[in-house]
N, C-alpha and C. Protein backbone atom coordinates (compact mmCIF):
# COMPACT_ATOMS: atom_id res chain seq x y z
N MET A 1 -28.99 2.62 -45.72
CA MET A 1 -28.14 3.41 -45.76
C MET A 1 -27.12 3.23 -44.86
N MET A 2 -26.13 3.24 -45.09
CA MET A 2 -24.87 2.92 -44.19
C MET A 2 -24.26 3.86 -43.30
N THR A 3 -23.96 4.05 -41.88
CA THR A 3 -23.57 4.99 -41.39
C THR A 3 -21.77 4.85 -40.89
N ARG A 4 -21.31 5.85 -41.65
CA ARG A 4 -19.82 6.06 -41.07
C ARG A 4 -19.19 6.16 -39.60
N TYR A 5 -18.21 5.22 -39.43
CA TYR A 5 -17.74 5.55 -38.33
C TYR A 5 -17.40 6.76 -37.99
N LYS A 6 -17.05 7.17 -36.92
CA LYS A 6 -16.94 8.49 -36.61
C LYS A 6 -16.06 8.58 -35.46
N PRO A 7 -14.52 8.71 -35.60
CA PRO A 7 -13.56 8.47 -34.46
C PRO A 7 -13.73 9.65 -33.73
N TRP A 8 -13.97 10.80 -34.06
CA TRP A 8 -14.35 12.19 -33.11
C TRP A 8 -15.44 11.17 -31.56
N LEU A 9 -16.16 10.41 -32.14
CA LEU A 9 -17.17 10.09 -31.15
C LEU A 9 -16.42 8.78 -29.85
N ALA A 10 -15.52 8.20 -30.64
CA ALA A 10 -14.94 7.52 -29.47
C ALA A 10 -13.81 8.50 -28.68
N VAL A 11 -13.24 8.87 -29.17
CA VAL A 11 -12.40 10.15 -28.12
C VAL A 11 -13.20 10.72 -27.45
N SER A 12 -14.52 11.45 -27.77
CA SER A 12 -15.22 12.05 -26.64
C SER A 12 -15.91 11.07 -25.86
N ALA A 13 -15.86 9.83 -26.00
CA ALA A 13 -16.52 8.84 -25.00
C ALA A 13 -15.32 8.68 -23.71
N SER A 14 -14.08 8.43 -24.59
CA SER A 14 -12.77 8.46 -23.54
C SER A 14 -12.50 9.72 -22.85
N ALA A 15 -12.74 11.23 -23.33
CA ALA A 15 -12.64 12.28 -23.06
C ALA A 15 -13.68 12.22 -21.80
N LEU A 16 -14.82 11.77 -21.70
CA LEU A 16 -16.21 11.90 -21.00
C LEU A 16 -15.40 10.93 -19.78
N MET A 17 -14.98 9.88 -20.12
CA MET A 17 -14.97 8.77 -18.88
C MET A 17 -13.63 9.16 -18.20
N ALA A 18 -12.62 9.99 -18.62
CA ALA A 18 -11.54 10.99 -18.11
C ALA A 18 -12.48 11.78 -17.19
N ILE A 19 -13.10 12.73 -17.61
CA ILE A 19 -13.56 13.86 -17.39
C ILE A 19 -14.50 13.28 -15.77
N SER A 20 -15.15 12.18 -15.85
CA SER A 20 -16.13 11.60 -14.76
C SER A 20 -15.27 11.05 -13.93
N PHE A 21 -13.83 10.52 -13.87
CA PHE A 21 -13.33 9.96 -12.55
C PHE A 21 -12.15 11.06 -12.31
N ALA A 22 -12.12 12.16 -12.94
CA ALA A 22 -11.01 12.85 -12.46
C ALA A 22 -11.40 13.60 -11.27
N GLY A 23 -10.23 13.69 -10.57
CA GLY A 23 -10.50 14.00 -8.92
C GLY A 23 -10.45 12.68 -8.11
N TYR A 24 -10.95 11.39 -8.39
CA TYR A 24 -11.31 10.45 -7.59
C TYR A 24 -10.29 9.91 -7.34
N ALA A 25 -9.54 9.53 -6.30
CA ALA A 25 -8.50 8.96 -6.11
C ALA A 25 -8.85 7.26 -5.74
N TYR A 26 -8.78 6.67 -6.65
CA TYR A 26 -9.16 5.20 -6.78
C TYR A 26 -8.22 4.20 -7.38
N ALA A 27 -7.88 3.41 -6.45
CA ALA A 27 -6.77 2.36 -7.09
C ALA A 27 -7.91 1.10 -7.27
N ALA A 28 -7.70 0.56 -8.48
CA ALA A 28 -8.05 -0.91 -8.64
C ALA A 28 -7.91 -2.25 -7.61
N THR A 29 -6.37 -2.18 -7.53
CA THR A 29 -6.00 -3.15 -6.65
C THR A 29 -5.08 -2.63 -5.59
N ALA A 30 -4.65 -3.44 -4.53
CA ALA A 30 -3.49 -3.00 -3.52
C ALA A 30 -2.39 -3.00 -4.38
N ALA A 31 -1.52 -2.00 -4.06
CA ALA A 31 -0.03 -2.14 -4.68
C ALA A 31 0.82 -1.43 -3.93
N VAL A 32 2.17 -2.03 -3.76
CA VAL A 32 3.12 -1.25 -2.61
C VAL A 32 4.30 -1.08 -3.32
N LYS A 33 5.55 -0.34 -3.27
CA LYS A 33 6.64 -0.12 -4.07
C LYS A 33 7.37 0.44 -3.12
N ALA A 34 8.47 -0.31 -2.50
CA ALA A 34 9.49 0.27 -1.65
C ALA A 34 10.90 0.08 -2.27
N GLU A 35 12.00 0.97 -1.99
CA GLU A 35 13.52 0.59 -2.73
C GLU A 35 14.03 0.63 -1.09
N ASN A 36 15.15 -0.23 -1.85
CA ASN A 36 16.21 -0.12 -0.59
C ASN A 36 16.69 1.47 0.06
N GLN A 37 17.01 1.76 1.18
CA GLN A 37 17.13 3.05 1.57
C GLN A 37 17.89 2.83 2.94
N LYS A 38 18.51 4.22 3.25
CA LYS A 38 19.00 4.65 4.52
C LYS A 38 17.92 5.03 5.40
N ILE A 39 17.86 4.91 6.67
CA ILE A 39 16.92 5.09 7.56
C ILE A 39 17.29 6.52 7.76
N SER A 40 16.21 7.55 7.78
CA SER A 40 16.23 9.30 8.10
C SER A 40 15.49 9.35 8.99
N GLY A 41 15.90 9.74 10.14
CA GLY A 41 15.32 10.18 11.36
C GLY A 41 14.13 9.52 11.88
N GLY A 42 14.70 8.38 12.04
CA GLY A 42 14.15 7.12 12.67
C GLY A 42 12.80 6.77 11.57
N ALA A 43 12.89 6.82 10.34
CA ALA A 43 11.62 6.59 9.48
C ALA A 43 12.11 6.08 8.31
N VAL A 44 11.44 5.43 7.54
CA VAL A 44 11.61 4.79 6.07
C VAL A 44 10.87 5.64 5.28
N THR A 45 10.87 5.51 3.78
CA THR A 45 10.04 6.09 2.55
C THR A 45 9.70 5.10 1.87
N ILE A 46 8.64 4.81 1.80
CA ILE A 46 7.92 4.01 1.00
C ILE A 46 7.41 4.95 -0.37
N ALA A 47 7.99 4.39 -1.53
CA ALA A 47 7.90 4.99 -2.81
C ALA A 47 6.78 5.13 -3.50
N ASP A 48 5.74 4.32 -3.14
CA ASP A 48 4.29 4.32 -4.11
C ASP A 48 3.61 3.24 -2.87
N VAL A 49 2.08 3.95 -3.02
CA VAL A 49 1.04 3.04 -2.23
C VAL A 49 -0.04 3.34 -2.98
N ASN A 50 -0.68 2.16 -3.36
CA ASN A 50 -1.67 2.03 -3.85
C ASN A 50 -2.95 1.23 -2.98
N LEU A 51 -4.02 2.06 -2.62
CA LEU A 51 -4.86 1.40 -1.85
C LEU A 51 -6.49 1.60 -2.58
N PRO A 52 -7.32 0.38 -2.77
CA PRO A 52 -8.25 0.42 -3.26
C PRO A 52 -9.46 1.10 -2.20
N LYS A 53 -9.24 0.95 -0.93
CA LYS A 53 -10.37 1.46 0.19
C LYS A 53 -9.05 1.80 1.14
N ASN A 54 -9.63 2.22 2.38
CA ASN A 54 -8.79 3.13 3.55
C ASN A 54 -8.04 1.71 3.88
N GLY A 55 -7.07 1.83 4.54
CA GLY A 55 -6.21 0.89 5.16
C GLY A 55 -5.03 1.78 5.50
N PHE A 56 -3.64 0.71 5.97
CA PHE A 56 -2.47 1.10 6.71
C PHE A 56 -1.38 0.49 5.83
N LEU A 57 -0.65 1.17 5.98
CA LEU A 57 1.08 0.69 5.61
C LEU A 57 1.95 0.34 6.84
N VAL A 58 2.10 -1.01 6.85
CA VAL A 58 2.74 -1.31 7.95
C VAL A 58 4.17 -1.88 8.05
N ILE A 59 5.14 -1.52 8.39
CA ILE A 59 6.69 -2.22 8.33
C ILE A 59 7.04 -3.19 9.06
N HIS A 60 7.25 -4.42 8.77
CA HIS A 60 7.48 -5.45 9.29
C HIS A 60 8.97 -5.68 9.58
N PRO A 61 9.91 -6.78 10.43
CA PRO A 61 10.85 -6.93 10.59
C PRO A 61 10.96 -8.04 9.76
N SER A 62 12.36 -8.62 9.52
CA SER A 62 12.25 -10.73 9.18
C SER A 62 13.19 -11.15 10.08
N ASP A 63 13.16 -12.77 9.57
CA ASP A 63 13.69 -13.28 10.41
C ASP A 63 15.38 -13.26 9.99
N THR A 64 16.13 -14.44 10.66
CA THR A 64 17.61 -14.16 9.94
C THR A 64 17.56 -14.99 8.67
N GLN A 65 16.44 -15.61 8.38
CA GLN A 65 16.46 -16.01 6.78
C GLN A 65 15.81 -15.11 5.98
N GLY A 66 15.37 -13.75 6.35
CA GLY A 66 14.65 -13.19 5.53
C GLY A 66 13.49 -13.03 5.47
N ASN A 67 12.75 -14.19 6.25
CA ASN A 67 11.21 -14.23 6.20
C ASN A 67 10.43 -13.13 7.26
N LEU A 68 9.32 -12.82 6.53
CA LEU A 68 8.69 -11.44 7.07
C LEU A 68 8.28 -12.18 8.58
N ILE A 69 8.59 -11.28 9.75
CA ILE A 69 7.70 -11.63 11.08
C ILE A 69 6.58 -10.78 11.58
N GLU A 70 5.46 -11.58 12.06
CA GLU A 70 4.20 -10.67 11.88
C GLU A 70 4.57 -9.58 13.29
N LYS A 71 5.09 -8.51 13.29
CA LYS A 71 5.53 -7.58 14.08
C LYS A 71 5.43 -6.26 13.67
N ASP A 72 4.81 -5.55 14.39
CA ASP A 72 4.66 -4.11 13.78
C ASP A 72 5.85 -3.07 14.36
N LEU A 73 6.63 -2.84 13.37
CA LEU A 73 7.58 -1.80 13.48
C LEU A 73 7.59 -0.17 13.45
N GLY A 74 6.02 -0.04 12.87
CA GLY A 74 5.61 1.39 12.46
C GLY A 74 4.69 1.18 11.58
N HIS A 75 3.54 1.89 11.48
CA HIS A 75 2.55 1.94 10.17
C HIS A 75 2.15 3.11 10.48
N ILE A 76 1.38 3.71 9.48
CA ILE A 76 0.45 4.89 9.29
C ILE A 76 -0.87 4.63 8.39
N ALA A 77 -2.10 5.29 8.98
CA ALA A 77 -2.96 5.23 8.34
C ALA A 77 -3.15 6.06 6.78
N LEU A 78 -3.69 5.14 5.95
CA LEU A 78 -4.11 6.05 4.64
C LEU A 78 -5.43 5.87 3.71
N LYS A 79 -5.87 6.99 3.26
CA LYS A 79 -7.07 6.87 2.34
C LYS A 79 -7.03 6.08 1.13
N ALA A 80 -7.85 5.75 0.98
CA ALA A 80 -8.05 5.07 -0.55
C ALA A 80 -7.65 5.95 -1.73
N GLY A 81 -6.56 5.35 -2.21
CA GLY A 81 -5.82 6.19 -3.65
C GLY A 81 -4.45 5.77 -3.37
N ASP A 82 -3.77 6.52 -4.46
CA ASP A 82 -2.30 6.59 -4.65
C ASP A 82 -1.49 7.65 -4.01
N HIS A 83 -0.68 7.11 -3.23
CA HIS A 83 -0.04 7.77 -2.42
C HIS A 83 1.53 7.47 -2.57
N LYS A 84 2.61 8.84 -2.77
CA LYS A 84 4.00 8.82 -3.39
C LYS A 84 4.66 9.16 -2.02
N ASN A 85 5.91 8.60 -1.90
CA ASN A 85 6.90 8.82 -0.63
C ASN A 85 6.52 9.08 0.62
N VAL A 86 5.84 8.08 1.10
CA VAL A 86 4.99 8.08 2.33
C VAL A 86 6.10 7.37 3.82
N ARG A 87 6.26 8.36 4.59
CA ARG A 87 7.29 8.38 5.46
C ARG A 87 6.40 7.46 6.70
N VAL A 88 7.35 6.30 7.02
CA VAL A 88 6.79 5.79 8.59
C VAL A 88 7.89 5.59 9.31
N LYS A 89 7.42 5.88 10.73
CA LYS A 89 8.50 6.28 11.59
C LYS A 89 8.39 5.05 12.31
N LEU A 90 9.92 4.05 12.53
CA LEU A 90 9.94 3.04 12.94
C LEU A 90 10.16 3.30 14.43
N THR A 91 10.11 2.37 15.29
CA THR A 91 10.07 1.94 16.62
C THR A 91 11.49 1.02 16.91
N GLY A 92 12.16 0.97 17.90
CA GLY A 92 13.42 0.54 17.86
C GLY A 92 14.63 0.71 17.12
N ASN A 93 15.62 0.29 17.37
CA ASN A 93 16.97 0.52 16.77
C ASN A 93 17.00 -0.43 15.36
N HIS A 94 17.66 0.01 14.15
CA HIS A 94 17.70 -0.72 13.28
C HIS A 94 19.27 -0.14 12.44
N LYS A 95 19.91 -1.24 11.87
CA LYS A 95 21.06 -1.00 11.12
C LYS A 95 21.09 -1.39 9.67
N ALA A 96 22.06 -1.00 8.91
CA ALA A 96 22.10 -1.38 7.84
C ALA A 96 22.23 -2.88 7.58
N GLY A 97 21.67 -3.08 6.53
CA GLY A 97 21.58 -4.64 5.88
C GLY A 97 20.37 -5.43 6.44
N GLU A 98 19.66 -4.45 7.45
CA GLU A 98 18.43 -5.18 7.91
C GLU A 98 17.46 -5.10 6.73
N LYS A 99 16.50 -6.42 6.70
CA LYS A 99 15.65 -6.31 5.57
C LYS A 99 14.19 -6.42 6.36
N LEU A 100 13.33 -5.50 5.71
CA LEU A 100 12.20 -5.07 6.43
C LEU A 100 11.34 -5.32 5.18
N TRP A 101 9.89 -5.19 5.70
CA TRP A 101 8.84 -5.78 4.65
C TRP A 101 7.82 -4.24 4.66
N ALA A 102 7.11 -3.50 3.74
CA ALA A 102 6.04 -3.03 3.56
C ALA A 102 5.01 -3.61 3.20
N MET A 103 4.07 -3.88 3.81
CA MET A 103 2.66 -4.51 3.80
C MET A 103 1.35 -3.57 3.73
N LEU A 104 0.51 -3.79 3.30
CA LEU A 104 -0.43 -3.07 3.04
C LEU A 104 -1.52 -3.72 3.76
N HIS A 105 -2.66 -3.10 5.12
CA HIS A 105 -3.54 -3.65 5.71
C HIS A 105 -4.98 -3.16 5.42
N GLU A 106 -5.81 -3.99 5.39
CA GLU A 106 -7.02 -3.18 5.51
C GLU A 106 -7.62 -2.57 6.60
N ASP A 107 -8.43 -1.56 6.60
CA ASP A 107 -8.96 -1.41 7.76
C ASP A 107 -10.35 -1.88 8.07
N THR A 108 -10.18 -2.96 8.42
CA THR A 108 -11.51 -3.97 8.92
C THR A 108 -11.76 -4.13 10.41
N GLY A 109 -11.07 -3.51 11.06
CA GLY A 109 -11.36 -3.33 12.38
C GLY A 109 -11.71 -1.96 12.95
N THR A 110 -11.46 -1.35 13.91
CA THR A 110 -11.91 -0.07 14.48
C THR A 110 -11.60 0.78 13.58
N PRO A 111 -12.35 1.79 12.96
CA PRO A 111 -11.94 2.54 11.56
C PRO A 111 -11.06 3.52 12.22
N GLY A 112 -10.07 3.64 11.36
CA GLY A 112 -8.58 4.49 11.47
C GLY A 112 -7.66 3.99 12.68
N VAL A 113 -7.95 2.74 13.39
CA VAL A 113 -7.21 2.39 14.42
C VAL A 113 -6.65 0.91 13.92
N TYR A 114 -5.11 1.23 13.73
CA TYR A 114 -4.54 0.03 13.42
C TYR A 114 -4.65 -1.26 14.48
N GLN A 115 -5.22 -2.30 14.32
CA GLN A 115 -5.03 -3.40 15.06
C GLN A 115 -4.75 -4.68 14.57
N PHE A 116 -3.55 -5.00 14.87
CA PHE A 116 -2.24 -5.88 14.32
C PHE A 116 -3.08 -7.24 14.80
N GLY A 117 -3.33 -8.22 13.86
CA GLY A 117 -3.69 -9.54 14.71
C GLY A 117 -3.63 -10.74 13.61
N THR A 118 -3.75 -11.96 13.92
CA THR A 118 -3.83 -13.14 13.03
C THR A 118 -5.32 -13.43 12.59
N LYS A 119 -5.27 -14.20 11.18
CA LYS A 119 -6.51 -14.21 10.93
C LYS A 119 -7.77 -14.93 12.19
N GLY A 120 -8.76 -14.67 12.26
CA GLY A 120 -9.57 -14.94 13.07
C GLY A 120 -9.44 -14.19 14.34
N LYS A 121 -8.73 -13.22 14.70
CA LYS A 121 -8.78 -12.46 15.69
C LYS A 121 -9.81 -11.24 15.62
N ALA A 122 -10.72 -11.09 16.55
CA ALA A 122 -11.46 -10.07 16.14
C ALA A 122 -11.24 -8.54 16.12
N ASN A 123 -11.64 -7.45 15.18
CA ASN A 123 -10.93 -6.76 15.16
C ASN A 123 -9.89 -6.42 14.21
N ALA A 124 -9.21 -7.25 14.04
CA ALA A 124 -7.71 -7.32 13.18
C ALA A 124 -7.85 -6.93 11.79
N ASP A 125 -6.72 -6.01 11.58
CA ASP A 125 -7.15 -5.46 10.33
C ASP A 125 -6.02 -6.42 9.33
N MET A 126 -6.77 -7.17 8.47
CA MET A 126 -6.12 -7.97 7.72
C MET A 126 -5.43 -7.66 6.42
N PRO A 127 -4.51 -8.25 6.06
CA PRO A 127 -3.43 -7.64 4.58
C PRO A 127 -4.54 -7.70 3.73
N PHE A 128 -4.41 -6.76 3.02
CA PHE A 128 -4.66 -6.81 1.48
C PHE A 128 -4.11 -7.93 0.94
N LYS A 129 -4.81 -8.41 -0.28
CA LYS A 129 -4.58 -9.59 -0.82
C LYS A 129 -4.80 -9.03 -2.43
N ALA A 130 -3.88 -9.46 -3.26
CA ALA A 130 -3.99 -9.79 -4.48
C ALA A 130 -3.69 -11.11 -5.19
N ASP A 131 -4.55 -11.43 -6.10
CA ASP A 131 -4.23 -13.15 -6.56
C ASP A 131 -4.04 -13.79 -5.19
N GLY A 132 -4.63 -13.64 -4.01
CA GLY A 132 -4.63 -14.63 -3.18
C GLY A 132 -3.35 -14.52 -2.18
N LYS A 133 -2.67 -13.50 -2.12
CA LYS A 133 -1.65 -13.09 -1.91
C LYS A 133 -1.50 -12.26 -1.20
N ALA A 134 -0.59 -12.08 0.24
CA ALA A 134 -0.54 -10.72 0.83
C ALA A 134 -0.10 -9.35 -0.05
N VAL A 135 -0.30 -8.50 -0.28
CA VAL A 135 0.23 -7.16 -0.53
C VAL A 135 1.51 -7.09 -0.02
N LEU A 136 2.86 -6.94 -0.52
CA LEU A 136 4.01 -6.53 0.44
C LEU A 136 5.20 -6.69 -0.45
N GLN A 137 6.07 -5.47 0.03
CA GLN A 137 7.52 -5.99 -0.57
C GLN A 137 8.56 -5.79 0.39
N ALA A 138 9.38 -6.39 0.10
CA ALA A 138 10.76 -6.25 1.18
C ALA A 138 11.80 -5.27 0.49
N PHE A 139 12.37 -4.78 1.29
CA PHE A 139 13.59 -3.69 0.95
C PHE A 139 14.75 -3.89 2.02
N LYS A 140 15.88 -3.27 1.83
CA LYS A 140 16.83 -3.29 2.90
C LYS A 140 16.93 -1.99 3.22
N LEU A 141 17.71 -2.02 4.73
CA LEU A 141 18.29 -0.75 4.95
C LEU A 141 19.66 -0.62 4.39
N LEU A 142 20.10 0.74 3.92
CA LEU A 142 21.73 0.66 3.67
C LEU A 142 22.36 1.53 4.52
C-alpha cells in the first residue's frame, strides 16, 4: 500500500525549525552594510551588521586613492547576531567627501577588548572573512 504525501507534515517540520531557532541571534556569515551619510555628534551610523560570533565593527580611513588604511578611527564591540543602525564614535576631525571603511573584526584576542594588529601579531583581532576576503564596505561622508 502506498502512503500519500502529507503537505501538513512538511509545514509542521518547517514550523518546528522556526520555533527551534526563534530567539537565537545567529548569522551564518559576517556581513556589513554602510551608507553614505553626514557625521552626527562625532559618530557614524552603520545600517546593518551581521556577526556569526562576537566581534567588532571598526571604522578605518582611506588614503588619497580611496584604499583602506589600517588605522582605527573608532570601534564598537558587538555580540553575535544581527545589529541595525550601529553608531560608532570617531576620533579626529572629518569632512564631507571623506571615504571611510566599515570593517568587521573577530574577537580573537583578549575577549571584549579590541586589539588592532596585523596578521601574526599576538592577540590581534583579525578581520572576519567571507570567500577569503575581509568583510568590509566603503562609504562617504556627506
